[in-house]
């Protein structure tokens, strides 16, 4: 049942805007930078080193750009030279990692679906991923019906300083009182929207479990994604068999990397290690 308070806010507005990350879609990891560890494992780079280098590259990119939002390409331009031959591959892996761990926020979907039936809906995000990538993430999560996406890295403005809201009002030809913005960040989504005269609704942040096991991030997103197929066999595979197989294959991959095994044989019987071969 839709809360009457938020329903009234929506009904009074001509257009509703939503924040994207941690609002209508979530990541299956405790922190956004857990994605960097997933990338490192896929190309056998030390996780902590790549994590630290990626974090530092983003800091450098932001210092270079000043008040303007950065892109994912800006970040990877600031990685140490040792990553230069892998730059395009790493960008591709980061996008792919994001695709694997996103799922839609079930707690907000009732509000979102009410809005797309009754109002014009747009999406607004402070993010270094471009709108094409974000649209793919939304497609994966089954988020449809919105009319436009405004992303800080494309608009050159941010919610975090309020300038992106000004840009949206101008582009949409809206008066501040005609727009309702919904998001999870107190300053960016609520206070800054209010400062621009926009009605705002702050949602409760999603509580995330702390974990260092990156495979759990992918499994969590896998399980949280909505089922759209009515076939019971498909649903069983999606909910139970798929995660089980993924967990098993991930364990095998970890053993190959950890023990520097270069060949693997699948045979009946107990698993064993023999002369750099994994027998399963």
C-alpha atoms as a PDB file:
ATOM      1  CA  UNK A   1       0.000   0.000   0.000  1.00  0.00           C
ATOM      2  CA  UNK A   2       1.472   3.318  -1.097  1.00  0.00           C
ATOM      3  CA  UNK A   3       2.187   5.686   1.801  1.00  0.00           C
ATOM      4  CA  UNK A   4      -0.305   8.572   1.723  1.00  0.00           C
ATOM      5  CA  UNK A   5       2.371  11.184   2.406  1.00  0.00           C
ATOM      6  CA  UNK A   6       4.446  10.349  -0.664  1.00  0.00           C
ATOM      7  CA  UNK A   7       1.272   9.823  -2.748  1.00  0.00           C
ATOM      8  CA  UNK A   8       0.150  13.350  -1.945  1.00  0.00           C
ATOM      9  CA  UNK A   9       3.539  14.743  -2.939  1.00  0.00           C
ATOM     10  CA  UNK A  10       3.417  12.879  -6.247  1.00  0.00           C
ATOM     11  CA  UNK A  11      -0.156  13.981  -6.975  1.00  0.00           C
ATOM     12  CA  UNK A  12       0.783  17.638  -6.459  1.00  0.00           C
ATOM     13  CA  UNK A  13       3.690  17.454  -8.931  1.00  0.00           C
ATOM     14  CA  UNK A  14       3.719  17.683 -12.716  1.00  0.00           C
ATOM     15  CA  UNK A  15       6.979  15.712 -13.057  1.00  0.00           C
ATOM     16  CA  UNK A  16       8.807  13.324 -10.740  1.00  0.00           C
ATOM     17  CA  UNK A  17      12.560  12.784 -10.827  1.00  0.00           C
ATOM     18  CA  UNK A  18      14.372   9.879  -9.200  1.00  0.00           C
ATOM     19  CA  UNK A  19      17.945   9.438  -8.130  1.00  0.00           C
ATOM     20  CA  UNK A  20      19.293   6.198  -9.612  1.00  0.00           C
ATOM     21  CA  UNK A  21      21.943   4.410  -7.542  1.00  0.00           C
ATOM     22  CA  UNK A  22      20.796   3.319  -4.066  1.00  0.00           C
ATOM     23  CA  UNK A  23      17.339   4.636  -4.922  1.00  0.00           C
ATOM     24  CA  UNK A  24      15.649   2.796  -7.794  1.00  0.00           C
ATOM     25  CA  UNK A  25      18.529   0.375  -8.298  1.00  0.00           C
ATOM     26  CA  UNK A  26      21.067  -1.009  -5.830  1.00  0.00           C
ATOM     27  CA  UNK A  27      24.396  -2.772  -6.000  1.00  0.00           C
ATOM     28  CA  UNK A  28      24.816  -6.160  -4.375  1.00  0.00           C
ATOM     29  CA  UNK A  29      27.968  -5.051  -2.548  1.00  0.00           C
ATOM     30  CA  UNK A  30      28.524  -3.178   0.681  1.00  0.00           C
ATOM     31  CA  UNK A  31      30.566  -0.391  -0.959  1.00  0.00           C
ATOM     32  CA  UNK A  32      30.720   0.825  -4.586  1.00  0.00           C
ATOM     33  CA  UNK A  33      34.498   0.313  -4.689  1.00  0.00           C
ATOM     34  CA  UNK A  34      34.052  -3.435  -4.050  1.00  0.00           C
ATOM     35  CA  UNK A  35      33.565  -3.528  -7.822  1.00  0.00           C
ATOM     36  CA  UNK A  36      37.297  -2.877  -8.218  1.00  0.00           C
ATOM     37  CA  UNK A  37      38.152  -6.124  -6.441  1.00  0.00           C
ATOM     38  CA  UNK A  38      35.884  -8.058  -8.793  1.00  0.00           C
ATOM     39  CA  UNK A  39      37.748  -6.556 -11.765  1.00  0.00           C
ATOM     40  CA  UNK A  40      41.174  -7.405 -10.339  1.00  0.00           C
ATOM     41  CA  UNK A  41      40.259 -11.037  -9.840  1.00  0.00           C
ATOM     42  CA  UNK A  42      39.167 -11.431 -13.438  1.00  0.00           C
ATOM     43  CA  UNK A  43      42.567 -10.483 -14.825  1.00  0.00           C
ATOM     44  CA  UNK A  44      44.713 -11.848 -11.975  1.00  0.00           C
ATOM     45  CA  UNK A  45      45.873  -8.482 -10.622  1.00  0.00           C
ATOM     46  CA  UNK A  46      46.426  -8.155  -6.871  1.00  0.00           C
ATOM     47  CA  UNK A  47      43.110  -6.941  -5.515  1.00  0.00           C
ATOM     48  CA  UNK A  48      44.368  -4.455  -2.952  1.00  0.00           C
ATOM     49  CA  UNK A  49      46.847  -2.863  -5.367  1.00  0.00           C
ATOM     50  CA  UNK A  50      44.325  -2.374  -8.143  1.00  0.00           C
ATOM     51  CA  UNK A  51      41.712  -1.184  -5.639  1.00  0.00           C
ATOM     52  CA  UNK A  52      44.089   1.457  -4.273  1.00  0.00           C
ATOM     53  CA  UNK A  53      45.271   2.497  -7.758  1.00  0.00           C
ATOM     54  CA  UNK A  54      41.692   2.827  -9.010  1.00  0.00           C
ATOM     55  CA  UNK A  55      40.646   4.899  -5.976  1.00  0.00           C
ATOM     56  CA  UNK A  56      43.687   7.158  -6.393  1.00  0.00           C
ATOM     57  CA  UNK A  57      43.014   7.539 -10.127  1.00  0.00           C
ATOM     58  CA  UNK A  58      39.497   8.759  -9.386  1.00  0.00           C
ATOM     59  CA  UNK A  59      40.846  11.263  -6.855  1.00  0.00           C
ATOM     60  CA  UNK A  60      43.365  12.583  -9.407  1.00  0.00           C
ATOM     61  CA  UNK A  61      40.712  12.816 -12.106  1.00  0.00           C
ATOM     62  CA  UNK A  62      38.431  14.847  -9.830  1.00  0.00           C
ATOM     63  CA  UNK A  63      41.280  17.198  -8.932  1.00  0.00           C
ATOM     64  CA  UNK A  64      42.003  17.742 -12.628  1.00  0.00           C
ATOM     65  CA  UNK A  65      38.367  18.462 -13.490  1.00  0.00           C
ATOM     66  CA  UNK A  66      37.684  20.671 -10.509  1.00  0.00           C
ATOM     67  CA  UNK A  67      33.965  21.345 -10.168  1.00  0.00           C
ATOM     68  CA  UNK A  68      33.012  19.458 -13.328  1.00  0.00           C
ATOM     69  CA  UNK A  69      31.986  15.812 -13.087  1.00  0.00           C
ATOM     70  CA  UNK A  70      34.396  13.189 -14.402  1.00  0.00           C
ATOM     71  CA  UNK A  71      33.776  10.275 -16.767  1.00  0.00           C
ATOM     72  CA  UNK A  72      34.947   6.690 -16.435  1.00  0.00           C
ATOM     73  CA  UNK A  73      37.469   7.393 -19.198  1.00  0.00           C
ATOM     74  CA  UNK A  74      38.842  10.370 -17.243  1.00  0.00           C
ATOM     75  CA  UNK A  75      39.479   8.032 -14.314  1.00  0.00           C
ATOM     76  CA  UNK A  76      41.314   5.422 -16.348  1.00  0.00           C
ATOM     77  CA  UNK A  77      43.484   8.111 -17.937  1.00  0.00           C
ATOM     78  CA  UNK A  78      44.861   8.717 -14.439  1.00  0.00           C
ATOM     79  CA  UNK A  79      45.861   5.120 -13.686  1.00  0.00           C
ATOM     80  CA  UNK A  80      49.603   4.362 -13.492  1.00  0.00           C
ATOM     81  CA  UNK A  81      51.306   3.666 -16.839  1.00  0.00           C
ATOM     82  CA  UNK A  82      51.594  -0.043 -16.044  1.00  0.00           C
ATOM     83  CA  UNK A  83      47.861  -0.357 -16.755  1.00  0.00           C
ATOM     84  CA  UNK A  84      48.044   1.395 -20.137  1.00  0.00           C
ATOM     85  CA  UNK A  85      47.944  -1.806 -22.269  1.00  0.00           C
ATOM     86  CA  UNK A  86      44.894  -2.967 -20.273  1.00  0.00           C
ATOM     87  CA  UNK A  87      43.004   0.335 -20.133  1.00  0.00           C
ATOM     88  CA  UNK A  88      40.210  -0.479 -22.599  1.00  0.00           C
ATOM     89  CA  UNK A  89      39.836  -3.976 -21.180  1.00  0.00           C
ATOM     90  CA  UNK A  90      39.612  -2.640 -17.621  1.00  0.00           C
ATOM     91  CA  UNK A  91      36.922  -0.122 -18.598  1.00  0.00           C
ATOM     92  CA  UNK A  92      34.953  -2.924 -20.237  1.00  0.00           C
ATOM     93  CA  UNK A  93      35.365  -5.132 -17.151  1.00  0.00           C
ATOM     94  CA  UNK A  94      34.215  -2.371 -14.800  1.00  0.00           C
ATOM     95  CA  UNK A  95      31.038  -1.833 -16.803  1.00  0.00           C
ATOM     96  CA  UNK A  96      30.467  -5.589 -16.967  1.00  0.00           C
ATOM     97  CA  UNK A  97      30.996  -5.877 -13.192  1.00  0.00           C
ATOM     98  CA  UNK A  98      28.376  -3.177 -12.612  1.00  0.00           C
ATOM     99  CA  UNK A  99      25.964  -5.130 -14.816  1.00  0.00           C
ATOM    100  CA  UNK A 100      26.461  -8.265 -12.736  1.00  0.00           C
ATOM    101  CA  UNK A 101      25.792  -6.746  -9.324  1.00  0.00           C
ATOM    102  CA  UNK A 102      22.829  -4.397  -9.886  1.00  0.00           C
ATOM    103  CA  UNK A 103      19.234  -5.139  -8.950  1.00  0.00           C
ATOM    104  CA  UNK A 104      16.153  -3.005  -8.526  1.00  0.00           C
ATOM    105  CA  UNK A 105      15.145  -1.664  -5.127  1.00  0.00           C
ATOM    106  CA  UNK A 106      11.978  -3.565  -4.228  1.00  0.00           C
ATOM    107  CA  UNK A 107      11.175  -1.105  -1.448  1.00  0.00           C
ATOM    108  CA  UNK A 108      10.799   1.722  -3.966  1.00  0.00           C
ATOM    109  CA  UNK A 109       9.244  -0.062  -6.920  1.00  0.00           C
ATOM    110  CA  UNK A 110       5.643   0.606  -5.809  1.00  0.00           C
ATOM    111  CA  UNK A 111       6.361   4.343  -5.693  1.00  0.00           C
ATOM    112  CA  UNK A 112       8.120   4.226  -9.065  1.00  0.00           C
ATOM    113  CA  UNK A 113       5.326   2.281 -10.770  1.00  0.00           C
ATOM    114  CA  UNK A 114       2.695   4.679  -9.414  1.00  0.00           C
ATOM    115  CA  UNK A 115       4.692   7.605 -10.805  1.00  0.00           C
ATOM    116  CA  UNK A 116       5.103   6.222 -14.325  1.00  0.00           C
ATOM    117  CA  UNK A 117       1.353   5.601 -14.522  1.00  0.00           C
ATOM    118  CA  UNK A 118       0.375   9.059 -13.309  1.00  0.00           C
ATOM    119  CA  UNK A 119       3.265  11.426 -14.082  1.00  0.00           C
ATOM    120  CA  UNK A 120       6.152  12.187 -16.385  1.00  0.00           C
ATOM    121  CA  UNK A 121       9.259  10.553 -14.871  1.00  0.00           C
ATOM    122  CA  UNK A 122      12.895  11.511 -15.367  1.00  0.00           C
ATOM    123  CA  UNK A 123      16.057  10.183 -13.732  1.00  0.00           C
ATOM    124  CA  UNK A 124      18.911  12.275 -12.305  1.00  0.00           C
ATOM    125  CA  UNK A 125      22.297  10.969 -11.179  1.00  0.00           C
ATOM    126  CA  UNK A 126      25.718  12.183 -10.106  1.00  0.00           C
ATOM    127  CA  UNK A 127      27.755   9.488 -11.835  1.00  0.00           C
ATOM    128  CA  UNK A 128      30.829   8.920 -14.017  1.00  0.00           C
ATOM    129  CA  UNK A 129      29.035   6.243 -16.059  1.00  0.00           C
ATOM    130  CA  UNK A 130      27.330   7.658 -19.151  1.00  0.00           C
ATOM    131  CA  UNK A 131      23.608   7.419 -19.862  1.00  0.00           C
ATOM    132  CA  UNK A 132      23.978   4.518 -22.332  1.00  0.00           C
ATOM    133  CA  UNK A 133      25.659   2.364 -19.677  1.00  0.00           C
ATOM    134  CA  UNK A 134      23.103   3.406 -17.060  1.00  0.00           C
ATOM    135  CA  UNK A 135      20.240   2.522 -19.428  1.00  0.00           C
ATOM    136  CA  UNK A 136      21.693  -0.975 -19.764  1.00  0.00           C
ATOM    137  CA  UNK A 137      21.826  -1.311 -15.980  1.00  0.00           C
ATOM    138  CA  UNK A 138      18.220  -0.155 -15.731  1.00  0.00           C
ATOM    139  CA  UNK A 139      17.169  -2.628 -18.426  1.00  0.00           C
ATOM    140  CA  UNK A 140      18.820  -5.447 -16.470  1.00  0.00           C
ATOM    141  CA  UNK A 141      16.847  -4.398 -13.406  1.00  0.00           C
ATOM    142  CA  UNK A 142      13.557  -4.138 -15.294  1.00  0.00           C
ATOM    143  CA  UNK A 143      13.250  -0.375 -14.839  1.00  0.00           C
ATOM    144  CA  UNK A 144      11.272   1.128 -17.737  1.00  0.00           C
ATOM    145  CA  UNK A 145       8.832   3.959 -18.376  1.00  0.00           C
ATOM    146  CA  UNK A 146      11.071   6.956 -17.654  1.00  0.00           C
ATOM    147  CA  UNK A 147      11.449   9.589 -20.371  1.00  0.00           C
ATOM    148  CA  UNK A 148      14.952  10.967 -19.910  1.00  0.00           C
ATOM    149  CA  UNK A 149      18.162  10.512 -17.941  1.00  0.00           C
ATOM    150  CA  UNK A 150      20.297  13.421 -16.758  1.00  0.00           C
ATOM    151  CA  UNK A 151      23.799  12.309 -15.764  1.00  0.00           C
ATOM    152  CA  UNK A 152      26.317  14.688 -14.225  1.00  0.00           C
ATOM    153  CA  UNK A 153      29.236  13.496 -16.362  1.00  0.00           C
ATOM    154  CA  UNK A 154      27.294  14.389 -19.538  1.00  0.00           C
ATOM    155  CA  UNK A 155      25.635  17.576 -18.299  1.00  0.00           C
ATOM    156  CA  UNK A 156      28.752  19.022 -16.672  1.00  0.00           C
ATOM    157  CA  UNK A 157      26.733  19.781 -13.553  1.00  0.00           C
ATOM    158  CA  UNK A 158      26.107  17.992 -10.250  1.00  0.00           C
ATOM    159  CA  UNK A 159      23.329  17.372  -7.745  1.00  0.00           C
ATOM    160  CA  UNK A 160      25.955  17.621  -5.021  1.00  0.00           C
ATOM    161  CA  UNK A 161      26.227  21.389  -5.582  1.00  0.00           C
ATOM    162  CA  UNK A 162      22.678  21.901  -6.869  1.00  0.00           C
ATOM    163  CA  UNK A 163      23.665  22.930 -10.400  1.00  0.00           C
ATOM    164  CA  UNK A 164      22.251  19.781 -12.007  1.00  0.00           C
ATOM    165  CA  UNK A 165      18.795  20.622 -10.637  1.00  0.00           C
ATOM    166  CA  UNK A 166      19.024  24.067 -12.241  1.00  0.00           C
ATOM    167  CA  UNK A 167      19.974  22.432 -15.541  1.00  0.00           C
ATOM    168  CA  UNK A 168      17.047  19.999 -15.358  1.00  0.00           C
ATOM    169  CA  UNK A 169      14.520  22.744 -14.613  1.00  0.00           C
ATOM    170  CA  UNK A 170      15.742  24.728 -17.608  1.00  0.00           C
ATOM    171  CA  UNK A 171      15.834  21.735 -19.988  1.00  0.00           C
ATOM    172  CA  UNK A 172      12.412  20.514 -18.896  1.00  0.00           C
ATOM    173  CA  UNK A 173      10.922  24.021 -18.867  1.00  0.00           C
ATOM    174  CA  UNK A 174       9.648  23.414 -15.350  1.00  0.00           C
ATOM    175  CA  UNK A 175       8.981  25.708 -12.437  1.00  0.00           C
ATOM    176  CA  UNK A 176      10.640  24.391  -9.230  1.00  0.00           C
ATOM    177  CA  UNK A 177       7.264  23.806  -7.566  1.00  0.00           C
ATOM    178  CA  UNK A 178       6.209  21.512 -10.432  1.00  0.00           C
ATOM    179  CA  UNK A 179       9.004  18.998  -9.791  1.00  0.00           C
ATOM    180  CA  UNK A 180       9.259  16.355  -7.064  1.00  0.00           C
ATOM    181  CA  UNK A 181      12.651  14.720  -6.575  1.00  0.00           C
ATOM    182  CA  UNK A 182      13.047  11.373  -4.778  1.00  0.00           C
ATOM    183  CA  UNK A 183      16.421  10.076  -3.581  1.00  0.00           C
ATOM    184  CA  UNK A 184      18.464   8.655  -0.719  1.00  0.00           C
ATOM    185  CA  UNK A 185      21.205  11.256  -0.185  1.00  0.00           C
ATOM    186  CA  UNK A 186      20.368  13.854   2.454  1.00  0.00           C
ATOM    187  CA  UNK A 187      22.447  16.660   0.950  1.00  0.00           C
ATOM    188  CA  UNK A 188      22.383  15.940  -2.792  1.00  0.00           C
ATOM    189  CA  UNK A 189      18.817  14.651  -3.133  1.00  0.00           C
ATOM    190  CA  UNK A 190      16.986  16.471  -0.363  1.00  0.00           C
ATOM    191  CA  UNK A 191      18.697  19.615   0.915  1.00  0.00           C
ATOM    192  CA  UNK A 192      19.992  20.772  -2.495  1.00  0.00           C
ATOM    193  CA  UNK A 193      16.653  20.091  -4.171  1.00  0.00           C
ATOM    194  CA  UNK A 194      14.872  22.084  -1.456  1.00  0.00           C
ATOM    195  CA  UNK A 195      17.342  24.963  -1.876  1.00  0.00           C
ATOM    196  CA  UNK A 196      16.290  25.199  -5.516  1.00  0.00           C
ATOM    197  CA  UNK A 197      12.609  25.330  -4.544  1.00  0.00           C
ATOM    198  CA  UNK A 198      11.955  21.732  -5.603  1.00  0.00           C
ATOM    199  CA  UNK A 199       9.760  19.426  -3.537  1.00  0.00           C
ATOM    200  CA  UNK A 200      11.834  16.524  -2.248  1.00  0.00           C
ATOM    201  CA  UNK A 201      11.275  13.161  -0.624  1.00  0.00           C
ATOM    202  CA  UNK A 202      14.108  11.396   1.189  1.00  0.00           C
ATOM    203  CA  UNK A 203      14.000   7.598   1.210  1.00  0.00           C
ATOM    204  CA  UNK A 204      15.692   5.419   3.791  1.00  0.00           C
ATOM    205  CA  UNK A 205      19.094   4.171   2.758  1.00  0.00           C
ATOM    206  CA  UNK A 206      19.347   0.479   1.997  1.00  0.00           C
ATOM    207  CA  UNK A 207      21.262  -1.356   4.724  1.00  0.00           C
ATOM    208  CA  UNK A 208      24.097  -3.348   3.187  1.00  0.00           C
ATOM    209  CA  UNK A 209      25.937  -6.222   4.775  1.00  0.00           C
ATOM    210  CA  UNK A 210      29.687  -5.815   5.020  1.00  0.00           C
ATOM    211  CA  UNK A 211      31.506  -8.596   3.203  1.00  0.00           C
ATOM    212  CA  UNK A 212      34.868  -9.101   1.582  1.00  0.00           C
ATOM    213  CA  UNK A 213      33.629 -11.998  -0.523  1.00  0.00           C
ATOM    214  CA  UNK A 214      33.008 -10.477  -3.938  1.00  0.00           C
ATOM    215  CA  UNK A 215      31.143 -13.500  -5.293  1.00  0.00           C
ATOM    216  CA  UNK A 216      28.428 -12.849  -2.712  1.00  0.00           C
ATOM    217  CA  UNK A 217      27.855  -9.453  -4.344  1.00  0.00           C
ATOM    218  CA  UNK A 218      27.010 -11.123  -7.636  1.00  0.00           C
ATOM    219  CA  UNK A 219      24.905 -13.825  -5.999  1.00  0.00           C
ATOM    220  CA  UNK A 220      22.957 -11.257  -3.990  1.00  0.00           C
ATOM    221  CA  UNK A 221      22.144  -9.274  -7.128  1.00  0.00           C
ATOM    222  CA  UNK A 222      21.236 -12.480  -8.957  1.00  0.00           C
ATOM    223  CA  UNK A 223      18.752 -13.521  -6.274  1.00  0.00           C
ATOM    224  CA  UNK A 224      17.306 -10.021  -5.814  1.00  0.00           C
ATOM    225  CA  UNK A 225      16.448  -9.567  -9.490  1.00  0.00           C
ATOM    226  CA  UNK A 226      12.776  -9.938 -10.297  1.00  0.00           C
ATOM    227  CA  UNK A 227      11.530 -13.089 -12.024  1.00  0.00           C
ATOM    228  CA  UNK A 228       9.610 -12.401 -15.231  1.00  0.00           C
ATOM    229  CA  UNK A 229       9.318 -15.945 -16.583  1.00  0.00           C
ATOM    230  CA  UNK A 230       6.324 -18.093 -15.582  1.00  0.00           C
ATOM    231  CA  UNK A 231       8.057 -21.381 -16.435  1.00  0.00           C
ATOM    232  CA  UNK A 232       8.618 -23.218 -13.090  1.00  0.00           C
ATOM    233  CA  UNK A 233      11.755 -24.962 -14.404  1.00  0.00           C
ATOM    234  CA  UNK A 234      13.238 -21.629 -15.456  1.00  0.00           C
ATOM    235  CA  UNK A 235      12.419 -20.123 -12.076  1.00  0.00           C
ATOM    236  CA  UNK A 236      13.979 -23.058 -10.213  1.00  0.00           C
ATOM    237  CA  UNK A 237      17.160 -22.647 -12.242  1.00  0.00           C
ATOM    238  CA  UNK A 238      17.154 -18.887 -11.692  1.00  0.00           C
ATOM    239  CA  UNK A 239      16.602 -19.002  -7.946  1.00  0.00           C
ATOM    240  CA  UNK A 240      18.469 -22.148  -6.890  1.00  0.00           C
ATOM    241  CA  UNK A 241      20.405 -24.091  -9.513  1.00  0.00           C
ATOM    242  CA  UNK A 242      21.981 -21.050 -11.150  1.00  0.00           C
ATOM    243  CA  UNK A 243      23.455 -19.597  -7.927  1.00  0.00           C
ATOM    244  CA  UNK A 244      24.678 -23.059  -6.874  1.00  0.00           C
ATOM    245  CA  UNK A 245      26.492 -23.612 -10.176  1.00  0.00           C
ATOM    246  CA  UNK A 246      27.891 -20.089 -10.081  1.00  0.00           C
ATOM    247  CA  UNK A 247      29.220 -20.646  -6.558  1.00  0.00           C
ATOM    248  CA  UNK A 248      30.869 -23.915  -7.588  1.00  0.00           C
ATOM    249  CA  UNK A 249      32.494 -22.461 -10.706  1.00  0.00           C
ATOM    250  CA  UNK A 250      33.709 -19.453  -8.699  1.00  0.00           C
ATOM    251  CA  UNK A 251      35.337 -21.793  -6.156  1.00  0.00           C
ATOM    252  CA  UNK A 252      37.072 -23.687  -8.961  1.00  0.00           C
ATOM    253  CA  UNK A 253      38.325 -20.425 -10.461  1.00  0.00           C
ATOM    254  CA  UNK A 254      39.688 -19.322  -7.069  1.00  0.00           C
ATOM    255  CA  UNK A 255      41.582 -22.598  -6.686  1.00  0.00           C
ATOM    256  CA  UNK A 256      43.109 -22.256 -10.153  1.00  0.00           C
ATOM    257  CA  UNK A 257      44.401 -18.773  -9.391  1.00  0.00           C
ATOM    258  CA  UNK A 258      45.425 -19.457  -5.787  1.00  0.00           C
ATOM    259  CA  UNK A 259      47.394 -22.627  -6.593  1.00  0.00           C
ATOM    260  CA  UNK A 260      48.612 -21.487 -10.008  1.00  0.00           C
ATOM    261  CA  UNK A 261      47.006 -24.483 -11.669  1.00  0.00           C
ATOM    262  CA  UNK A 262      47.110 -24.437 -15.454  1.00  0.00           C
ATOM    263  CA  UNK A 263      45.037 -27.521 -16.308  1.00  0.00           C
ATOM    264  CA  UNK A 264      41.758 -28.857 -14.997  1.00  0.00           C
ATOM    265  CA  UNK A 265      40.163 -32.298 -15.517  1.00  0.00           C
ATOM    266  CA  UNK A 266      36.578 -33.198 -14.618  1.00  0.00           C
ATOM    267  CA  UNK A 267      36.477 -36.877 -13.648  1.00  0.00           C
ATOM    268  CA  UNK A 268      34.196 -38.957 -11.378  1.00  0.00           C
ATOM    269  CA  UNK A 269      35.430 -39.211  -7.810  1.00  0.00           C
ATOM    270  CA  UNK A 270      36.909 -37.047  -5.085  1.00  0.00           C
ATOM    271  CA  UNK A 271      38.618 -33.753  -5.907  1.00  0.00           C
ATOM    272  CA  UNK A 272      42.393 -33.771  -5.566  1.00  0.00           C
ATOM    273  CA  UNK A 273      45.470 -31.767  -6.521  1.00  0.00           C
ATOM    274  CA  UNK A 274      48.172 -33.475  -8.573  1.00  0.00           C
ATOM    275  CA  UNK A 275      51.197 -31.900 -10.271  1.00  0.00           C
ATOM    276  CA  UNK A 276      49.614 -28.532 -10.946  1.00  0.00           C
ATOM    277  CA  UNK A 277      46.392 -30.197 -12.114  1.00  0.00           C
ATOM    278  CA  UNK A 278      43.031 -29.945 -10.417  1.00  0.00           C
ATOM    279  CA  UNK A 279      41.156 -33.273 -10.565  1.00  0.00           C
ATOM    280  CA  UNK A 280      37.401 -32.975  -9.996  1.00  0.00           C
END
